[in-house]
Structures are given as C-alpha cells and as structure tokens.
Protein backbone atom coordinates (compact mmCIF):
# COMPACT_ATOMS: atom_id res chain seq x y z
CA MET A 1 142.18 -172.36 -95.09
CA VAL A 2 145.67 -172.43 -93.56
CA SER A 3 146.65 -175.66 -95.30
CA ASP A 4 145.30 -174.35 -98.62
CA HIS A 5 147.45 -171.23 -98.35
CA LYS A 6 150.53 -173.30 -97.51
CA GLU A 7 149.94 -175.49 -100.56
CA ASP A 8 149.39 -172.46 -102.79
CA ILE A 9 152.61 -170.84 -101.60
CA LYS A 10 154.50 -174.08 -102.27
CA GLU A 11 153.13 -174.25 -105.82
CA PHE A 12 153.77 -170.57 -106.54
CA LYS A 13 157.37 -170.86 -105.29
CA LYS A 14 157.90 -173.88 -107.54
CA GLU A 15 156.50 -172.00 -110.54
CA ALA A 16 158.63 -168.94 -109.73
CA SER A 17 161.81 -171.01 -109.67
CA GLU A 18 161.15 -173.73 -112.24
CA GLY A 19 158.49 -172.40 -114.60
CA ALA A 20 159.08 -172.32 -118.33
CA ASN A 21 156.82 -169.35 -119.11
CA SER A 22 158.44 -166.06 -118.10
CA ALA A 23 155.10 -164.26 -117.66
CA LEU A 24 153.84 -166.96 -115.27
CA LYS A 25 157.15 -166.97 -113.39
CA SER A 26 156.92 -163.22 -112.94
CA PHE A 27 153.30 -163.41 -111.79
CA ALA A 28 154.17 -166.13 -109.28
CA GLU A 29 157.11 -164.13 -107.90
CA LYS A 30 154.95 -161.02 -107.46
CA THR A 31 152.09 -162.96 -105.86
CA ILE A 32 154.05 -164.90 -103.22
CA PRO A 33 154.24 -162.01 -100.71
CA THR A 34 150.46 -161.55 -100.89
CA LEU A 35 149.87 -165.24 -100.33
CA GLU A 36 152.26 -165.23 -97.38
CA HIS A 37 150.37 -162.31 -95.87
CA HIS A 38 147.09 -164.14 -96.36
CA LEU A 39 148.60 -167.19 -94.65
CA LYS A 40 149.54 -165.11 -91.60
CA GLU A 41 146.04 -163.67 -91.43
CA SER A 42 144.51 -167.14 -91.80
CA GLU A 43 146.67 -168.42 -88.95
CA LYS A 44 145.52 -165.52 -86.76
CA ALA A 45 141.87 -166.22 -87.60
CA LYS A 46 142.32 -169.91 -86.88
CA GLY A 47 143.69 -169.06 -83.45
CA ILE A 48 140.70 -166.85 -82.67
CA VAL A 49 137.95 -169.13 -83.99
CA LYS A 50 138.87 -172.26 -82.03
C-alpha cells in the first residue's frame, strides 16, 4: 500500500507539472495533498501491523 501511494504521488506530480490537459493538471494538483495524507496514514498502519 505504501509503495502504491508513492507511485501514485509521483505520477500525479508529473501530470500536474507536465500535463497537456488543463482540467487533468488541475485535478492532479488538487489531489496531491490527499494522496500525501493517505501515504502518511499507510506508513503509520504499516508500522503497527508488522
């Protein structure tokens, strides 16, 4: 789950900076903070589940 979130964030950041479609760029920019929050929560869960 952690690695998936990291990959998603990487792809969303790329779209936000390099995307050709302005609507998709905007969506990516707005979604990155949520994905980063989910990553933090996933990392916490990973630490607990061990």
